[in-house]
Amino acid sequence: MNAIEMLKAIEKLNASLTGKDFLLTWDKSVPELKLILQTAELLKKLYEQNVSLRVFDTGLAISNFRDNSTRTRFSFASASNLLGLAVQDLDEGKSQIAHGETVRETANMISFLTQIIGIRDDMFLGAGHTYMKEVGEALDDGYAQGVLPQRPGIVNLQCDIDHPTQSMADLCWLKEHFGSLDALRGKKIAMTWAYSPSYGKPLSVPQGIIGLMTRFGMDVTLAHPQGYDLIPDVVARAGQQAKENGGSFQQVASMEEAFAGADIVYPKSWAPYHVMQKRTDLLNANDKEGLKALEKDCLAHNANFQNWECDEAKMKLTKNGEALYMHCLPADITDVSCKAGEVSASVFEKYRIPTYKEAGYKPYVIAAMMLTNRMQDVVGTIADLMDYPMERVMDVAALPAVKKPAKKAAKAKKAVKKVAKKAKAVAKKAVKVVKKVAKKAKVVAKKAKAKRK
């Protein structure tokens, strides 16, 4: 589809996420999820067509990472810049939080001119999602009390329960790879545990996958060694969603069984649910010795399952031996990043570029979450960007070099016309905005006059 057709398809969804925080995918309706997907795809297309997508002239996007990140941190910064927002990191160690400032106070103090707050909090089981909701409640109160001129939106950049920007980027990539969302129906995706030489990996990626893909009619298989369970409520939800959406959900105890006939495989390590519970208690108690002992025990237990590696032999079990390999990255690659890991070097190298393309959707997914949260008329906003396009990059040096004076003059004349045309478009857009503001002011004045009478 071209950009206009994509915009019309978004309009037909009749969905809105204005003012709604994006915390868990299963809290959103399917039309709302499609709104994010299709908006992300359109933003990507317009970016590639060199169209500026700056809908904000000023404003902050607060980046609050309470755990390490590469892809998501830079994707959030990229998405913010794409829309015209400046990024400000909230470093809790350098703020008054270190001196006991409350969540309620911090949330308001960082939000006076803020449009979006992105939060990653995945280390403490039972705490990350709760923290995001607490921030949201503080913002609600600040806006209601007139402290804040607007209530910033919140985007979950990974919590203890879900990783929605990752799973939605994964779904975008699957849609591109297989051609459409409808083409995903009946496709088997194997979400499997894989061996890693580290022990404290969050549960949110596998939970995000089974929590989202079961919404789109896929046949989802979850596989892990005994004892490596996910949060029971999320697993139960995945099963229910599969029934409601015409797909299936099953759990198996071997990687081989999960890979058999699979169209997609997603081998990823995670810590057992009960271990994450114990780890959270030790972290809260600042029990460093207890954490060391837990890590030692867990690594020793993990070593029993080093055969849970995505290798060429297991990939041959998949559909036609050519299943799509996926990973949120960074993967633990055997003999590359570690001695033994989640995936063999040969398998990863075969799918390295596809996994990079998978990751490449995340900036657009985050931008779509931001845009749909802030704009009441998403279709109208993007239509304006398309009607009066500004070049994202105007690189005169990229034009072919011309030596003849006559051609240079023609080139200069063409450049002047181009600038004039661009200025005319800007002026036309400005007039439209002024008219819109004047019309709104007229309506307000009319209401005020009627009220006085």
Protein backbone atom coordinates (compact mmCIF):
# COMPACT_ATOMS: atom_id res chain seq x y z
CA MET A 1 0.00 0.00 0.00
CA ASN A 2 1.07 3.57 -0.58
CA ALA A 3 1.02 6.16 2.21
CA ILE A 4 -2.48 7.45 1.39
CA GLU A 5 -3.93 3.94 1.39
CA MET A 6 -2.20 3.23 4.70
CA LEU A 7 -3.70 6.40 6.21
CA LYS A 8 -7.19 5.41 5.03
CA ALA A 9 -6.73 1.97 6.59
CA ILE A 10 -5.84 3.60 9.93
CA GLU A 11 -8.98 5.76 9.72
CA LYS A 12 -11.15 2.66 9.14
CA LEU A 13 -9.95 1.16 12.45
CA ASN A 14 -11.99 3.81 14.30
CA ALA A 15 -9.68 3.32 17.30
CA SER A 16 -8.22 5.86 19.70
CA LEU A 17 -5.50 5.73 22.34
CA THR A 18 -5.56 9.45 23.18
CA GLY A 19 -4.50 9.95 26.79
CA LYS A 20 -4.13 6.20 27.39
CA ASP A 21 -0.85 4.93 28.84
CA PHE A 22 0.63 1.92 27.03
CA LEU A 23 1.58 -0.50 29.79
CA LEU A 24 0.37 -4.00 28.79
CA THR A 25 -0.68 -5.25 25.34
CA TRP A 26 -3.51 -7.33 26.77
CA ASP A 27 -5.08 -4.18 28.23
CA LYS A 28 -5.63 -2.93 24.68
CA SER A 29 -8.28 -4.00 22.17
CA VAL A 30 -7.23 -5.59 18.87
CA PRO A 31 -8.22 -2.40 16.93
CA GLU A 32 -6.03 -0.38 19.32
CA LEU A 33 -3.10 -2.76 18.75
CA LYS A 34 -3.63 -2.48 14.99
CA LEU A 35 -3.63 1.31 15.38
CA ILE A 36 -0.10 1.13 16.80
CA LEU A 37 1.07 -1.36 14.17
CA GLN A 38 -0.30 0.55 11.20
CA THR A 39 0.79 3.95 12.52
CA ALA A 40 4.31 2.58 13.05
CA GLU A 41 4.37 1.21 9.50
CA LEU A 42 3.21 4.54 8.07
CA LEU A 43 5.75 6.54 10.07
CA LYS A 44 8.47 4.19 8.79
CA LYS A 45 7.36 4.66 5.18
CA LEU A 46 7.20 8.47 5.48
CA TYR A 47 10.62 8.55 7.15
CA GLU A 48 12.06 6.52 4.28
CA GLN A 49 10.44 9.02 1.86
CA ASN A 50 12.36 11.81 3.61
CA VAL A 51 9.24 13.41 5.11
CA SER A 52 9.74 15.29 8.39
CA LEU A 53 7.50 13.91 11.16
CA ARG A 54 8.10 16.66 13.73
CA VAL A 55 4.67 17.30 15.26
CA PHE A 56 6.13 18.98 18.37
CA ASP A 57 7.97 22.29 18.33
CA THR A 58 8.94 22.00 22.02
CA GLY A 59 8.51 19.53 24.86
CA LEU A 60 10.32 16.80 26.72
CA ALA A 61 10.33 13.03 26.56
CA ILE A 62 11.60 11.73 29.91
CA SER A 63 13.73 8.59 29.71
CA ASN A 64 13.62 6.68 33.02
CA PHE A 65 15.71 3.50 32.73
CA ARG A 66 16.01 1.66 36.03
CA ASP A 67 17.86 -1.18 34.27
CA ASN A 68 20.42 -1.41 31.46
CA SER A 69 19.39 -1.06 27.84
CA THR A 70 20.81 -0.50 24.37
CA ARG A 71 18.11 -1.04 21.70
CA THR A 72 15.15 0.27 23.69
CA ARG A 73 17.06 3.27 25.11
CA PHE A 74 18.19 4.41 21.65
CA SER A 75 14.83 3.54 20.10
CA PHE A 76 13.09 5.77 22.65
CA ALA A 77 15.52 8.61 21.95
CA SER A 78 15.11 8.11 18.19
CA ALA A 79 11.30 8.09 18.42
CA SER A 80 11.29 11.25 20.55
CA ASN A 81 13.59 13.08 18.14
CA LEU A 82 11.56 11.87 15.17
CA LEU A 83 8.46 13.63 16.56
CA GLY A 84 10.33 16.75 17.69
CA LEU A 85 10.72 16.09 21.42
CA ALA A 86 13.95 16.59 23.37
CA VAL A 87 15.04 13.63 25.50
CA GLN A 88 15.99 14.09 29.13
CA ASP A 89 17.32 11.14 31.11
CA LEU A 90 16.09 10.81 34.67
CA ASP A 91 19.18 9.59 36.52
CA GLU A 92 17.80 8.62 39.91
CA GLY A 93 21.28 8.60 41.43
CA LYS A 94 21.77 12.26 40.52
CA SER A 95 18.28 13.41 41.48
CA GLN A 96 16.61 14.08 44.83
CA ILE A 97 15.18 10.55 44.65
CA ALA A 98 18.47 9.49 46.23
CA HIS A 99 17.55 11.73 49.19
CA GLY A 100 14.07 10.29 49.66
CA GLU A 101 11.94 12.31 47.23
CA THR A 102 8.60 10.53 46.75
CA VAL A 103 7.35 9.06 43.46
CA ARG A 104 4.39 11.47 43.60
CA GLU A 105 6.67 14.50 43.86
CA THR A 106 9.23 13.36 41.30
CA ALA A 107 6.51 12.53 38.75
CA ASN A 108 5.15 16.07 38.97
CA MET A 109 8.48 17.87 39.10
CA ILE A 110 9.72 16.27 35.85
CA SER A 111 6.45 16.85 34.00
CA PHE A 112 5.79 20.59 33.74
CA LEU A 113 6.65 20.71 30.01
CA THR A 114 6.73 16.96 29.41
CA GLN A 115 4.69 15.10 26.81
CA ILE A 116 5.84 11.49 27.33
CA ILE A 117 7.56 9.47 30.05
CA GLY A 118 9.21 6.19 29.05
CA ILE A 119 9.96 3.80 31.91
CA ARG A 120 11.97 0.57 32.12
CA ASP A 121 11.64 -1.23 35.46
CA ASP A 122 12.05 -5.00 35.08
CA MET A 123 14.39 -6.09 37.87
CA PHE A 124 11.93 -6.45 40.75
CA LEU A 125 9.13 -8.97 40.27
CA GLY A 126 5.85 -7.43 41.38
CA ALA A 127 7.30 -3.91 41.40
CA GLY A 128 7.87 -2.62 37.85
CA HIS A 129 4.28 -2.51 36.61
CA THR A 130 3.18 -1.25 40.04
CA TYR A 131 5.70 1.60 39.85
CA MET A 132 4.43 2.67 36.42
CA LYS A 133 0.85 2.77 37.71
CA GLU A 134 1.98 4.80 40.73
CA VAL A 135 3.64 7.33 38.42
CA GLY A 136 0.43 7.47 36.38
CA GLU A 137 -1.70 8.14 39.45
CA ALA A 138 0.66 10.94 40.52
CA LEU A 139 0.35 12.53 37.07
CA ASP A 140 -3.44 12.22 37.17
CA ASP A 141 -3.46 14.07 40.50
CA GLY A 142 -1.03 16.76 39.32
CA TYR A 143 -3.12 17.47 36.23
CA ALA A 144 -6.42 17.43 38.12
CA GLN A 145 -5.05 19.86 40.71
CA GLY A 146 -3.80 22.29 38.06
CA VAL A 147 -0.12 21.65 38.77
CA LEU A 148 0.51 20.30 35.26
CA PRO A 149 -0.73 21.98 32.05
CA GLN A 150 -1.07 18.54 30.46
CA ARG A 151 -0.95 14.98 31.71
CA PRO A 152 2.07 13.26 30.10
CA GLY A 153 1.56 9.80 28.64
CA ILE A 154 3.51 6.78 29.88
CA VAL A 155 5.10 4.14 27.66
CA ASN A 156 6.25 0.86 29.21
CA LEU A 157 9.79 0.26 27.95
CA GLN A 158 9.84 -3.10 29.81
CA CYS A 159 8.49 -4.04 33.20
CA ASP A 160 8.41 -7.24 35.24
CA ILE A 161 5.28 -8.46 33.42
CA ASP A 162 5.40 -7.30 29.79
CA HIS A 163 7.71 -5.75 27.19
CA PRO A 164 5.15 -4.22 24.80
CA THR A 165 7.51 -2.19 22.63
CA GLN A 166 9.47 -5.39 21.93
CA SER A 167 6.52 -7.68 21.23
CA MET A 168 4.81 -5.04 19.05
CA ALA A 169 8.04 -4.55 17.06
CA ASP A 170 8.21 -8.35 16.73
CA LEU A 171 4.63 -8.40 15.41
CA CYS A 172 5.47 -5.66 12.87
CA TRP A 173 8.38 -7.76 11.63
CA LEU A 174 6.24 -10.90 11.41
CA LYS A 175 3.62 -8.98 9.46
CA GLU A 176 6.26 -7.80 6.99
CA HIS A 177 7.89 -11.22 6.71
CA PHE A 178 4.67 -13.18 6.12
CA GLY A 179 2.80 -10.44 4.24
CA SER A 180 -0.12 -9.59 6.52
CA LEU A 181 -1.66 -10.14 9.94
CA ASP A 182 -4.16 -12.56 8.43
CA ALA A 183 -1.25 -14.63 7.09
CA LEU A 184 -0.12 -15.18 10.68
CA ARG A 185 -3.28 -17.11 11.57
CA GLY A 186 -2.43 -20.76 12.07
CA LYS A 187 1.31 -20.13 11.99
CA LYS A 188 3.19 -21.98 14.73
CA ILE A 189 5.50 -19.88 16.88
CA ALA A 190 7.71 -21.67 19.41
CA MET A 191 8.56 -19.50 22.41
CA THR A 192 11.20 -21.57 24.13
CA TRP A 193 13.58 -21.22 27.04
CA ALA A 194 17.25 -21.45 26.01
CA TYR A 195 20.43 -21.92 28.01
CA SER A 196 22.39 -18.88 29.10
CA PRO A 197 25.46 -18.45 31.30
CA SER A 198 23.59 -15.75 33.24
CA TYR A 199 20.63 -16.33 35.53
CA GLY A 200 18.57 -13.18 36.21
CA LYS A 201 16.95 -12.50 32.84
CA PRO A 202 13.42 -11.03 33.14
CA LEU A 203 10.25 -12.93 32.29
CA SER A 204 8.71 -10.06 30.34
CA VAL A 205 9.89 -11.00 26.83
CA PRO A 206 8.44 -14.54 26.73
CA GLN A 207 5.34 -13.31 28.55
CA GLY A 208 5.00 -10.48 26.05
CA ILE A 209 5.19 -12.92 23.14
CA ILE A 210 2.62 -15.40 24.42
CA GLY A 211 0.44 -12.51 25.59
CA LEU A 212 0.37 -10.83 22.17
CA MET A 213 0.62 -13.55 19.53
CA THR A 214 -2.38 -15.39 20.97
CA ARG A 215 -4.42 -12.29 20.10
CA PHE A 216 -3.84 -12.84 16.38
CA GLY A 217 -4.84 -16.47 15.83
CA MET A 218 -1.36 -17.96 15.98
CA ASP A 219 -0.56 -21.44 17.30
CA VAL A 220 1.70 -20.62 20.24
CA THR A 221 3.86 -23.25 21.90
CA LEU A 222 5.68 -22.45 25.15
CA ALA A 223 8.59 -24.73 26.07
CA HIS A 224 10.91 -24.76 29.07
CA PRO A 225 12.58 -27.22 31.43
CA GLN A 226 10.67 -28.21 34.53
CA GLY A 227 10.68 -25.43 37.08
CA TYR A 228 11.29 -22.56 34.64
CA ASP A 229 7.71 -21.36 34.81
CA LEU A 230 6.41 -17.93 33.87
CA ILE A 231 3.90 -15.91 35.92
CA PRO A 232 0.83 -18.22 36.16
CA ASP A 233 -1.71 -15.44 35.49
CA VAL A 234 -0.01 -14.51 32.21
CA VAL A 235 0.14 -18.14 31.07
CA ALA A 236 -3.55 -18.60 31.88
CA ARG A 237 -4.38 -15.42 29.97
CA ALA A 238 -2.49 -16.66 26.90
CA GLY A 239 -4.55 -19.84 26.89
CA GLN A 240 -7.82 -17.92 27.16
CA GLN A 241 -6.84 -15.46 24.43
CA ALA A 242 -5.94 -18.29 22.06
CA LYS A 243 -9.46 -19.74 22.45
CA GLU A 244 -11.07 -16.35 21.91
CA ASN A 245 -9.08 -15.54 18.78
CA GLY A 246 -9.08 -18.82 16.88
CA GLY A 247 -5.54 -19.90 17.67
CA SER A 248 -4.05 -22.39 20.10
CA PHE A 249 -1.74 -22.44 23.08
CA GLN A 250 0.17 -25.39 24.50
CA GLN A 251 3.09 -26.05 26.83
CA VAL A 252 5.72 -28.73 26.20
CA ALA A 253 8.83 -29.85 28.04
CA SER A 254 11.41 -30.04 25.24
CA MET A 255 12.87 -27.68 22.68
CA GLU A 256 12.68 -30.38 20.00
CA GLU A 257 8.92 -30.83 20.45
CA ALA A 258 8.38 -27.07 20.33
CA PHE A 259 10.48 -26.68 17.16
CA ALA A 260 8.74 -29.53 15.31
CA GLY A 261 6.87 -28.00 12.37
CA ALA A 262 7.28 -24.46 13.67
CA ASP A 263 7.09 -21.49 11.30
CA ILE A 264 8.83 -19.21 13.80
CA VAL A 265 11.18 -19.96 16.70
CA TYR A 266 12.02 -17.58 19.54
CA PRO A 267 14.62 -19.23 21.83
CA LYS A 268 15.29 -16.93 24.78
CA SER A 269 16.60 -17.47 28.30
CA TRP A 270 14.70 -16.36 31.40
CA ALA A 271 14.92 -16.95 35.14
CA PRO A 272 12.31 -19.18 36.80
CA TYR A 273 9.34 -17.35 38.31
CA HIS A 274 10.13 -18.59 41.83
CA VAL A 275 13.77 -17.51 41.46
CA MET A 276 12.72 -14.01 40.41
CA GLN A 277 10.48 -13.86 43.48
CA LYS A 278 13.36 -14.84 45.76
CA ARG A 279 15.74 -12.48 43.94
CA THR A 280 13.32 -9.59 44.48
CA ASP A 281 13.18 -10.30 48.22
CA LEU A 282 16.98 -10.35 48.42
CA LEU A 283 17.31 -7.14 46.40
CA ASN A 284 14.80 -5.40 48.62
CA ALA A 285 16.73 -6.57 51.69
CA ASN A 286 20.04 -5.52 50.08
CA ASP A 287 21.28 -9.02 50.91
CA LYS A 288 24.42 -9.18 48.77
CA GLU A 289 25.60 -12.50 50.15
CA GLY A 290 22.18 -14.01 49.60
CA LEU A 291 22.20 -12.78 45.99
CA LYS A 292 25.63 -14.34 45.40
CA ALA A 293 24.46 -17.67 46.80
CA LEU A 294 21.28 -17.57 44.69
CA GLU A 295 23.26 -16.80 41.53
CA LYS A 296 25.67 -19.68 42.21
CA ASP A 297 22.83 -22.16 42.74
CA CYS A 298 20.91 -20.96 39.68
CA LEU A 299 23.90 -21.08 37.36
CA ALA A 300 24.67 -24.61 38.52
CA HIS A 301 21.06 -25.60 37.82
CA ASN A 302 21.08 -23.86 34.42
CA ALA A 303 24.15 -25.91 33.44
CA ASN A 304 21.98 -29.04 33.48
CA PHE A 305 20.18 -27.73 30.38
CA GLN A 306 23.00 -26.65 28.08
CA ASN A 307 21.41 -28.81 25.37
CA TRP A 308 18.60 -26.23 25.19
CA GLU A 309 20.44 -24.45 22.38
CA CYS A 310 19.00 -23.37 19.03
CA ASP A 311 21.34 -25.20 16.66
CA GLU A 312 21.20 -26.43 13.08
CA ALA A 313 19.92 -29.88 14.09
CA LYS A 314 16.91 -28.38 15.88
CA MET A 315 16.25 -25.90 13.07
CA LYS A 316 15.92 -28.88 10.70
CA LEU A 317 12.90 -29.97 12.75
CA THR A 318 11.03 -26.78 11.85
CA LYS A 319 8.72 -26.37 8.86
CA ASN A 320 10.79 -27.25 5.78
CA GLY A 321 13.84 -26.67 7.99
CA GLU A 322 13.46 -22.94 7.35
CA ALA A 323 11.61 -21.42 10.30
CA LEU A 324 12.17 -17.73 10.98
CA TYR A 325 14.53 -17.28 13.93
CA MET A 326 13.71 -14.33 16.20
CA HIS A 327 15.35 -12.76 19.23
CA CYS A 328 15.00 -9.52 21.19
CA LEU A 329 18.81 -9.19 21.27
CA PRO A 330 21.45 -9.38 22.49
CA ALA A 331 21.52 -13.15 22.04
CA ASP A 332 23.98 -15.35 23.90
CA ILE A 333 25.84 -16.84 20.91
CA THR A 334 27.84 -20.01 21.45
CA ASP A 335 31.58 -19.53 20.87
CA VAL A 336 31.03 -15.84 20.08
CA SER A 337 29.67 -14.01 23.12
CA CYS A 338 29.99 -17.00 25.46
CA LYS A 339 31.27 -20.59 25.56
CA ALA A 340 27.75 -22.05 25.47
CA GLY A 341 24.58 -20.09 24.90
CA GLU A 342 21.08 -19.70 23.48
CA VAL A 343 21.97 -20.11 19.80
CA SER A 344 24.78 -21.57 17.73
CA ALA A 345 26.99 -19.16 15.80
CA SER A 346 25.95 -20.60 12.43
CA VAL A 347 22.21 -20.25 13.09
CA PHE A 348 22.56 -16.73 14.43
CA GLU A 349 24.73 -15.62 11.51
CA LYS A 350 22.14 -16.92 9.05
CA TYR A 351 19.43 -14.82 10.71
CA ARG A 352 21.55 -11.92 11.94
CA ILE A 353 20.23 -9.40 9.41
CA PRO A 354 16.58 -10.46 9.92
CA THR A 355 16.97 -9.95 13.69
CA TYR A 356 18.39 -6.49 13.04
CA LYS A 357 15.38 -5.70 10.84
CA GLU A 358 13.15 -7.00 13.63
CA ALA A 359 14.82 -4.57 16.05
CA GLY A 360 14.54 -1.78 13.48
CA TYR A 361 10.79 -1.53 14.00
CA LYS A 362 11.09 -0.51 17.65
CA PRO A 363 11.71 3.25 17.13
CA TYR A 364 8.58 3.45 14.97
CA VAL A 365 6.47 1.42 17.42
CA ILE A 366 7.49 3.72 20.27
CA ALA A 367 6.84 6.79 18.10
CA ALA A 368 3.39 5.39 17.27
CA MET A 369 2.67 4.89 20.98
CA MET A 370 3.70 8.49 21.65
CA LEU A 371 1.77 9.99 18.73
CA THR A 372 -1.47 8.11 19.40
CA ASN A 373 -1.28 9.05 23.09
CA ARG A 374 -0.84 12.79 22.46
CA MET A 375 -2.92 13.48 19.33
CA GLN A 376 -6.71 13.37 19.35
CA ASP A 377 -6.78 13.24 15.55
CA VAL A 378 -3.92 10.98 14.51
CA VAL A 379 -5.16 10.64 10.94
CA GLY A 380 -5.56 14.40 10.55
CA THR A 381 -2.13 15.07 12.07
CA ILE A 382 -0.36 12.67 9.71
CA ALA A 383 -2.46 13.89 6.77
CA ASP A 384 -1.15 17.42 7.41
CA LEU A 385 2.42 16.14 7.39
CA MET A 386 1.70 14.46 4.06
CA ASP A 387 -0.20 17.41 2.54
CA TYR A 388 2.52 19.93 3.36
CA PRO A 389 5.65 17.74 3.41
CA MET A 390 8.86 19.17 4.81
CA GLU A 391 12.09 17.42 3.87
CA ARG A 392 13.60 15.54 6.79
CA VAL A 393 17.09 15.96 5.32
CA MET A 394 17.93 18.52 2.64
CA ASP A 395 21.39 17.53 1.50
CA VAL A 396 22.48 19.82 -1.33
CA ALA A 397 25.88 18.10 -1.40
CA ALA A 398 24.17 14.89 -2.41
CA LEU A 399 23.15 16.43 -5.75
CA PRO A 400 25.36 15.45 -8.72
CA ALA A 401 28.27 17.82 -9.39
CA VAL A 402 27.87 19.96 -12.55
CA LYS A 403 30.85 21.77 -14.10
CA LYS A 404 29.26 23.80 -16.92
CA PRO A 405 28.18 27.35 -15.91
CA ALA A 406 24.85 27.10 -17.72
CA LYS A 407 24.01 23.91 -15.91
CA LYS A 408 25.15 25.44 -12.63
CA ALA A 409 22.78 28.36 -13.20
CA ALA A 410 19.94 26.00 -14.03
CA LYS A 411 20.70 24.02 -10.92
CA ALA A 412 20.72 27.19 -8.80
CA LYS A 413 17.43 28.32 -10.32
CA LYS A 414 15.92 24.93 -9.60
CA ALA A 415 17.18 25.09 -6.00
CA VAL A 416 15.63 28.56 -5.55
CA LYS A 417 12.31 27.30 -6.86
CA LYS A 418 12.52 24.35 -4.52
CA VAL A 419 13.13 26.63 -1.51
CA ALA A 420 10.31 28.95 -2.63
CA LYS A 421 7.96 26.01 -2.99
CA LYS A 422 8.95 24.78 0.46
CA ALA A 423 8.41 28.27 1.93
CA LYS A 424 5.01 28.46 0.27
CA ALA A 425 4.03 25.11 1.79
CA VAL A 426 5.16 26.27 5.24
CA ALA A 427 3.20 29.51 4.86
CA LYS A 428 0.12 27.66 3.68
CA LYS A 429 0.35 25.33 6.65
CA ALA A 430 0.82 28.29 9.02
CA VAL A 431 -2.28 30.02 7.60
CA LYS A 432 -4.27 26.85 8.11
CA VAL A 433 -3.13 26.64 11.74
CA VAL A 434 -3.97 30.33 12.33
CA LYS A 435 -7.44 29.87 10.85
CA LYS A 436 -7.98 26.83 13.04
CA VAL A 437 -6.96 28.77 16.18
CA ALA A 438 -9.11 31.76 15.17
CA LYS A 439 -12.11 29.52 14.63
CA LYS A 440 -11.60 27.91 18.02
CA ALA A 441 -11.28 31.35 19.67
CA LYS A 442 -14.50 32.45 17.98
CA VAL A 443 -16.35 29.45 19.36
CA VAL A 444 -14.97 30.13 22.87
CA ALA A 445 -15.98 33.81 22.64
CA LYS A 446 -19.45 32.88 21.47
CA LYS A 447 -19.91 30.50 24.39
CA ALA A 448 -18.65 33.12 26.83
CA LYS A 449 -21.10 35.69 25.42
CA ALA A 450 -23.99 33.26 25.69
CA LYS A 451 -23.00 32.48 29.29
CA ARG A 452 -23.02 36.22 30.21
CA LYS A 453 -26.56 36.54 28.85
